Amino acid sequence: MEAQRIAVDAVVALTDCDRDAVIAFIRRLYLAGVTDPKRLTFKGLQALSRPDSARFGLKFPALISGA
């Protein structure tokens, strides 16, 4: 559980995404067997960089607002 908290804090801090969406995504990865905090963080950031990140419930605010 500590790994999930670390990964969620890192992804939210780096991207300013919705915390609840990041928690849900990281939890799915964790339950799928990814337990390393660095790997969870990397996978979360990787998912956000995809054009279809909204499919995961993740939205990168800077890209949406055009800032």
PDB file of N, CA and C in Angstrom:
ATOM      1  N   MET A   1       0.814  -1.200   0.000  1.00  0.00           N
ATOM      2  CA  MET A   1       0.000   0.000   0.000  1.00  0.00           C
ATOM      3  C   MET A   1       0.858   1.265   0.000  1.00  0.00           C
ATOM      4  N   GLU A   2       2.008   1.196   0.628  1.00  0.00           N
ATOM      5  CA  GLU A   2       2.912   2.344   0.644  1.00  0.00           C
ATOM      6  C   GLU A   2       3.382   2.658  -0.783  1.00  0.00           C
ATOM      7  N   ALA A   3       3.602   1.613  -1.573  1.00  0.00           N
ATOM      8  CA  ALA A   3       4.029   1.805  -2.963  1.00  0.00           C
ATOM      9  C   ALA A   3       2.980   2.580  -3.748  1.00  0.00           C
ATOM     10  N   GLN A   4       1.713   2.269  -3.516  1.00  0.00           N
ATOM     11  CA  GLN A   4       0.634   2.975  -4.210  1.00  0.00           C
ATOM     12  C   GLN A   4       0.614   4.449  -3.818  1.00  0.00           C
ATOM     13  N   ARG A   5       0.761   4.727  -2.527  1.00  0.00           N
ATOM     14  CA  ARG A   5       0.725   6.111  -2.046  1.00  0.00           C
ATOM     15  C   ARG A   5       1.863   6.928  -2.655  1.00  0.00           C
ATOM     16  N   ILE A   6       3.058   6.337  -2.679  1.00  0.00           N
ATOM     17  CA  ILE A   6       4.211   7.020  -3.254  1.00  0.00           C
ATOM     18  C   ILE A   6       3.970   7.329  -4.731  1.00  0.00           C
ATOM     19  N   ALA A   7       3.485   6.339  -5.471  1.00  0.00           N
ATOM     20  CA  ALA A   7       3.247   6.516  -6.906  1.00  0.00           C
ATOM     21  C   ALA A   7       2.166   7.557  -7.163  1.00  0.00           C
ATOM     22  N   VAL A   8       1.084   7.517  -6.405  1.00  0.00           N
ATOM     23  CA  VAL A   8      -0.006   8.481  -6.595  1.00  0.00           C
ATOM     24  C   VAL A   8       0.489   9.887  -6.300  1.00  0.00           C
ATOM     25  N   ASP A   9       1.204  10.065  -5.189  1.00  0.00           N
ATOM     26  CA  ASP A   9       1.737  11.388  -4.847  1.00  0.00           C
ATOM     27  C   ASP A   9       2.646  11.918  -5.948  1.00  0.00           C
ATOM     28  N   ALA A  10       3.503  11.047  -6.494  1.00  0.00           N
ATOM     29  CA  ALA A  10       4.435  11.469  -7.543  1.00  0.00           C
ATOM     30  C   ALA A  10       3.705  11.866  -8.818  1.00  0.00           C
ATOM     31  N   VAL A  11       2.766  11.054  -9.268  1.00  0.00           N
ATOM     32  CA  VAL A  11       2.048  11.345 -10.518  1.00  0.00           C
ATOM     33  C   VAL A  11       1.214  12.618 -10.376  1.00  0.00           C
ATOM     34  N   VAL A  12       0.535  12.775  -9.249  1.00  0.00           N
ATOM     35  CA  VAL A  12      -0.282  13.973  -9.037  1.00  0.00           C
ATOM     36  C   VAL A  12       0.607  15.218  -8.970  1.00  0.00           C
ATOM     37  N   ALA A  13       1.742  15.120  -8.280  1.00  0.00           N
ATOM     38  CA  ALA A  13       2.653  16.261  -8.170  1.00  0.00           C
ATOM     39  C   ALA A  13       3.231  16.658  -9.528  1.00  0.00           C
ATOM     40  N   LEU A  14       3.553  15.674 -10.342  1.00  0.00           N
ATOM     41  CA  LEU A  14       4.171  15.955 -11.643  1.00  0.00           C
ATOM     42  C   LEU A  14       3.181  16.391 -12.715  1.00  0.00           C
ATOM     43  N   THR A  15       1.931  15.985 -12.595  1.00  0.00           N
ATOM     44  CA  THR A  15       0.987  16.233 -13.685  1.00  0.00           C
ATOM     45  C   THR A  15      -0.214  17.088 -13.305  1.00  0.00           C
ATOM     46  N   ASP A  16      -0.487  17.235 -12.021  1.00  0.00           N
ATOM     47  CA  ASP A  16      -1.648  17.990 -11.541  1.00  0.00           C
ATOM     48  C   ASP A  16      -2.958  17.364 -12.036  1.00  0.00           C
ATOM     49  N   CYS A  17      -2.955  16.048 -12.177  1.00  0.00           N
ATOM     50  CA  CYS A  17      -4.160  15.319 -12.594  1.00  0.00           C
ATOM     51  C   CYS A  17      -5.103  15.120 -11.417  1.00  0.00           C
ATOM     52  N   ASP A  18      -6.300  14.691 -11.738  1.00  0.00           N
ATOM     53  CA  ASP A  18      -7.291  14.383 -10.720  1.00  0.00           C
ATOM     54  C   ASP A  18      -6.791  13.220  -9.863  1.00  0.00           C
ATOM     55  N   ARG A  19      -6.683  13.452  -8.563  1.00  0.00           N
ATOM     56  CA  ARG A  19      -6.127  12.463  -7.641  1.00  0.00           C
ATOM     57  C   ARG A  19      -6.938  11.156  -7.637  1.00  0.00           C
ATOM     58  N   ASP A  20      -8.250  11.256  -7.669  1.00  0.00           N
ATOM     59  CA  ASP A  20      -9.087  10.054  -7.636  1.00  0.00           C
ATOM     60  C   ASP A  20      -8.868   9.178  -8.869  1.00  0.00           C
ATOM     61  N   ALA A  21      -8.707   9.802 -10.020  1.00  0.00           N
ATOM     62  CA  ALA A  21      -8.465   9.040 -11.249  1.00  0.00           C
ATOM     63  C   ALA A  21      -7.100   8.355 -11.196  1.00  0.00           C
ATOM     64  N   VAL A  22      -6.103   9.060 -10.669  1.00  0.00           N
ATOM     65  CA  VAL A  22      -4.761   8.476 -10.556  1.00  0.00           C
ATOM     66  C   VAL A  22      -4.784   7.317  -9.560  1.00  0.00           C
ATOM     67  N   ILE A  23      -5.490   7.489  -8.436  1.00  0.00           N
ATOM     68  CA  ILE A  23      -5.589   6.424  -7.442  1.00  0.00           C
ATOM     69  C   ILE A  23      -6.202   5.168  -8.068  1.00  0.00           C
ATOM     70  N   ALA A  24      -7.273   5.331  -8.817  1.00  0.00           N
ATOM     71  CA  ALA A  24      -7.934   4.185  -9.440  1.00  0.00           C
ATOM     72  C   ALA A  24      -7.006   3.485 -10.435  1.00  0.00           C
ATOM     73  N   PHE A  25      -6.277   4.270 -11.227  1.00  0.00           N
ATOM     74  CA  PHE A  25      -5.383   3.686 -12.224  1.00  0.00           C
ATOM     75  C   PHE A  25      -4.228   2.947 -11.556  1.00  0.00           C
ATOM     76  N   ILE A  26      -3.600   3.576 -10.565  1.00  0.00           N
ATOM     77  CA  ILE A  26      -2.479   2.960  -9.856  1.00  0.00           C
ATOM     78  C   ILE A  26      -2.948   1.706  -9.122  1.00  0.00           C
ATOM     79  N   ARG A  27      -4.133   1.741  -8.543  1.00  0.00           N
ATOM     80  CA  ARG A  27      -4.659   0.572  -7.840  1.00  0.00           C
ATOM     81  C   ARG A  27      -4.823  -0.611  -8.800  1.00  0.00           C
ATOM     82  N   ARG A  28      -5.314  -0.331 -10.016  1.00  0.00           N
ATOM     83  CA  ARG A  28      -5.454  -1.410 -11.011  1.00  0.00           C
ATOM     84  C   ARG A  28      -4.099  -2.025 -11.349  1.00  0.00           C
ATOM     85  N   LEU A  29      -3.086  -1.163 -11.508  1.00  0.00           N
ATOM     86  CA  LEU A  29      -1.741  -1.677 -11.793  1.00  0.00           C
ATOM     87  C   LEU A  29      -1.230  -2.522 -10.632  1.00  0.00           C
ATOM     88  N   TYR A  30      -1.441  -2.022  -9.411  1.00  0.00           N
ATOM     89  CA  TYR A  30      -0.970  -2.723  -8.220  1.00  0.00           C
ATOM     90  C   TYR A  30      -1.630  -4.096  -8.106  1.00  0.00           C
ATOM     91  N   LEU A  31      -2.922  -4.152  -8.334  1.00  0.00           N
ATOM     92  CA  LEU A  31      -3.639  -5.424  -8.254  1.00  0.00           C
ATOM     93  C   LEU A  31      -3.242  -6.376  -9.378  1.00  0.00           C
ATOM     94  N   ALA A  32      -2.720  -5.807 -10.462  1.00  0.00           N
ATOM     95  CA  ALA A  32      -2.250  -6.629 -11.576  1.00  0.00           C
ATOM     96  C   ALA A  32      -0.837  -7.170 -11.321  1.00  0.00           C
ATOM     97  N   GLY A  33      -0.220  -6.765 -10.192  1.00  0.00           N
ATOM     98  CA  GLY A  33       1.077  -7.323  -9.832  1.00  0.00           C
ATOM     99  C   GLY A  33       2.243  -6.363  -9.854  1.00  0.00           C
ATOM    100  N   VAL A  34       2.030  -5.109 -10.236  1.00  0.00           N
ATOM    101  CA  VAL A  34       3.111  -4.123 -10.233  1.00  0.00           C
ATOM    102  C   VAL A  34       3.181  -3.534  -8.826  1.00  0.00           C
ATOM    103  N   THR A  35       4.251  -3.847  -8.076  1.00  0.00           N
ATOM    104  CA  THR A  35       4.317  -3.418  -6.679  1.00  0.00           C
ATOM    105  C   THR A  35       5.463  -2.451  -6.391  1.00  0.00           C
ATOM    106  N   ASP A  36       6.332  -2.221  -7.338  1.00  0.00           N
ATOM    107  CA  ASP A  36       7.454  -1.306  -7.144  1.00  0.00           C
ATOM    108  C   ASP A  36       6.986   0.140  -7.339  1.00  0.00           C
ATOM    109  N   PRO A  37       7.245   1.040  -6.365  1.00  0.00           N
ATOM    110  CA  PRO A  37       6.781   2.430  -6.491  1.00  0.00           C
ATOM    111  C   PRO A  37       7.295   3.144  -7.744  1.00  0.00           C
ATOM    112  N   LYS A  38       8.550   2.895  -8.110  1.00  0.00           N
ATOM    113  CA  LYS A  38       9.108   3.539  -9.306  1.00  0.00           C
ATOM    114  C   LYS A  38       8.386   3.052 -10.564  1.00  0.00           C
ATOM    115  N   ARG A  39       8.123   1.776 -10.610  1.00  0.00           N
ATOM    116  CA  ARG A  39       7.444   1.200 -11.772  1.00  0.00           C
ATOM    117  C   ARG A  39       6.003   1.703 -11.872  1.00  0.00           C
ATOM    118  N   LEU A  40       5.318   1.772 -10.719  1.00  0.00           N
ATOM    119  CA  LEU A  40       3.946   2.300 -10.705  1.00  0.00           C
ATOM    120  C   LEU A  40       3.924   3.746 -11.188  1.00  0.00           C
ATOM    121  N   THR A  41       4.881   4.541 -10.709  1.00  0.00           N
ATOM    122  CA  THR A  41       4.959   5.947 -11.119  1.00  0.00           C
ATOM    123  C   THR A  41       5.222   6.048 -12.614  1.00  0.00           C
ATOM    124  N   PHE A  42       6.190   5.273 -13.103  1.00  0.00           N
ATOM    125  CA  PHE A  42       6.526   5.291 -14.527  1.00  0.00           C
ATOM    126  C   PHE A  42       5.327   4.900 -15.380  1.00  0.00           C
ATOM    127  N   LYS A  43       4.646   3.827 -14.985  1.00  0.00           N
ATOM    128  CA  LYS A  43       3.483   3.378 -15.757  1.00  0.00           C
ATOM    129  C   LYS A  43       2.373   4.430 -15.737  1.00  0.00           C
ATOM    130  N   GLY A  44       2.185   5.103 -14.603  1.00  0.00           N
ATOM    131  CA  GLY A  44       1.182   6.164 -14.521  1.00  0.00           C
ATOM    132  C   GLY A  44       1.514   7.318 -15.442  1.00  0.00           C
ATOM    133  N   LEU A  45       2.773   7.741 -15.431  1.00  0.00           N
ATOM    134  CA  LEU A  45       3.197   8.839 -16.312  1.00  0.00           C
ATOM    135  C   LEU A  45       3.141   8.419 -17.777  1.00  0.00           C
ATOM    136  N   GLN A  46       3.491   7.186 -18.040  1.00  0.00           N
ATOM    137  CA  GLN A  46       3.442   6.678 -19.415  1.00  0.00           C
ATOM    138  C   GLN A  46       2.001   6.682 -19.936  1.00  0.00           C
ATOM    139  N   ALA A  47       1.064   6.279 -19.097  1.00  0.00           N
ATOM    140  CA  ALA A  47      -0.349   6.267 -19.505  1.00  0.00           C
ATOM    141  C   ALA A  47      -0.832   7.683 -19.795  1.00  0.00           C
ATOM    142  N   LEU A  48      -0.372   8.657 -19.016  1.00  0.00           N
ATOM    143  CA  LEU A  48      -0.792  10.040 -19.235  1.00  0.00           C
ATOM    144  C   LEU A  48      -0.238  10.620 -20.531  1.00  0.00           C
ATOM    145  N   SER A  49       0.897  10.111 -20.965  1.00  0.00           N
ATOM    146  CA  SER A  49       1.507  10.662 -22.174  1.00  0.00           C
ATOM    147  C   SER A  49       0.822  10.180 -23.443  1.00  0.00           C
ATOM    148  N   ARG A  50      -0.028   9.175 -23.325  1.00  0.00           N
ATOM    149  CA  ARG A  50      -0.734   8.653 -24.500  1.00  0.00           C
ATOM    150  C   ARG A  50      -1.891   9.564 -24.889  1.00  0.00           C
ATOM    151  N   PRO A  51      -2.140   9.691 -26.180  1.00  0.00           N
ATOM    152  CA  PRO A  51      -3.260  10.518 -26.632  1.00  0.00           C
ATOM    153  C   PRO A  51      -4.611  10.010 -26.110  1.00  0.00           C
ATOM    154  N   ASP A  52      -4.708   8.717 -25.839  1.00  0.00           N
ATOM    155  CA  ASP A  52      -5.973   8.151 -25.383  1.00  0.00           C
ATOM    156  C   ASP A  52      -6.018   8.002 -23.860  1.00  0.00           C
ATOM    157  N   SER A  53      -5.297   8.854 -23.121  1.00  0.00           N
ATOM    158  CA  SER A  53      -5.232   8.734 -21.662  1.00  0.00           C
ATOM    159  C   SER A  53      -6.599   8.922 -21.011  1.00  0.00           C
ATOM    160  N   ALA A  54      -7.514   9.589 -21.672  1.00  0.00           N
ATOM    161  CA  ALA A  54      -8.862   9.760 -21.117  1.00  0.00           C
ATOM    162  C   ALA A  54      -9.573   8.413 -20.995  1.00  0.00           C
ATOM    163  N   ARG A  55      -9.133   7.451 -21.779  1.00  0.00           N
ATOM    164  CA  ARG A  55      -9.698   6.107 -21.709  1.00  0.00           C
ATOM    165  C   ARG A  55      -9.456   5.495 -20.331  1.00  0.00           C
ATOM    166  N   PHE A  56      -8.361   5.883 -19.684  1.00  0.00           N
ATOM    167  CA  PHE A  56      -8.043   5.383 -18.349  1.00  0.00           C
ATOM    168  C   PHE A  56      -8.659   6.257 -17.264  1.00  0.00           C
ATOM    169  N   GLY A  57      -9.380   7.293 -17.655  1.00  0.00           N
ATOM    170  CA  GLY A  57      -9.936   8.212 -16.674  1.00  0.00           C
ATOM    171  C   GLY A  57      -8.942   9.283 -16.284  1.00  0.00           C
ATOM    172  N   LEU A  58      -7.825   9.359 -17.008  1.00  0.00           N
ATOM    173  CA  LEU A  58      -6.778  10.323 -16.686  1.00  0.00           C
ATOM    174  C   LEU A  58      -6.812  11.458 -17.699  1.00  0.00           C
ATOM    175  N   LYS A  59      -6.663  12.648 -17.191  1.00  0.00           N
ATOM    176  CA  LYS A  59      -6.625  13.821 -18.068  1.00  0.00           C
ATOM    177  C   LYS A  59      -5.515  14.730 -17.593  1.00  0.00           C
ATOM    178  N   PHE A  60      -4.690  15.166 -18.513  1.00  0.00           N
ATOM    179  CA  PHE A  60      -3.584  16.051 -18.185  1.00  0.00           C
ATOM    180  C   PHE A  60      -4.076  17.482 -18.356  1.00  0.00           C
ATOM    181  N   PRO A  61      -4.288  18.215 -17.262  1.00  0.00           N
ATOM    182  CA  PRO A  61      -4.911  19.539 -17.325  1.00  0.00           C
ATOM    183  C   PRO A  61      -4.237  20.509 -18.280  1.00  0.00           C
ATOM    184  N   ALA A  62      -2.912  20.511 -18.354  1.00  0.00           N
ATOM    185  CA  ALA A  62      -2.223  21.452 -19.229  1.00  0.00           C
ATOM    186  C   ALA A  62      -2.547  21.187 -20.692  1.00  0.00           C
ATOM    187  N   LEU A  63      -2.741  19.932 -21.055  1.00  0.00           N
ATOM    188  CA  LEU A  63      -3.079  19.609 -22.433  1.00  0.00           C
ATOM    189  C   LEU A  63      -4.531  19.946 -22.748  1.00  0.00           C
ATOM    190  N   ILE A  64      -5.400  19.804 -21.781  1.00  0.00           N
ATOM    191  CA  ILE A  64      -6.814  20.071 -21.989  1.00  0.00           C
ATOM    192  C   ILE A  64      -7.078  21.567 -22.109  1.00  0.00           C
ATOM    193  N   SER A  65      -6.452  22.344 -21.232  1.00  0.00           N
ATOM    194  CA  SER A  65      -6.709  23.780 -21.223  1.00  0.00           C
ATOM    195  C   SER A  65      -5.944  24.504 -22.317  1.00  0.00           C
ATOM    196  N   GLY A  66      -4.966  23.804 -22.912  1.00  0.00           N
ATOM    197  CA  GLY A  66      -4.182  24.432 -23.969  1.00  0.00           C
ATOM    198  C   GLY A  66      -3.085  25.322 -23.437  1.00  0.00           C
ATOM    199  N   ALA A  67      -2.825  25.256 -22.130  1.00  0.00           N
ATOM    200  CA  ALA A  67      -1.788  26.086 -21.502  1.00  0.00           C
ATOM    201  C   ALA A  67      -0.413  25.594 -21.840  1.00  0.00           C
TER     202      ALA A  67
END
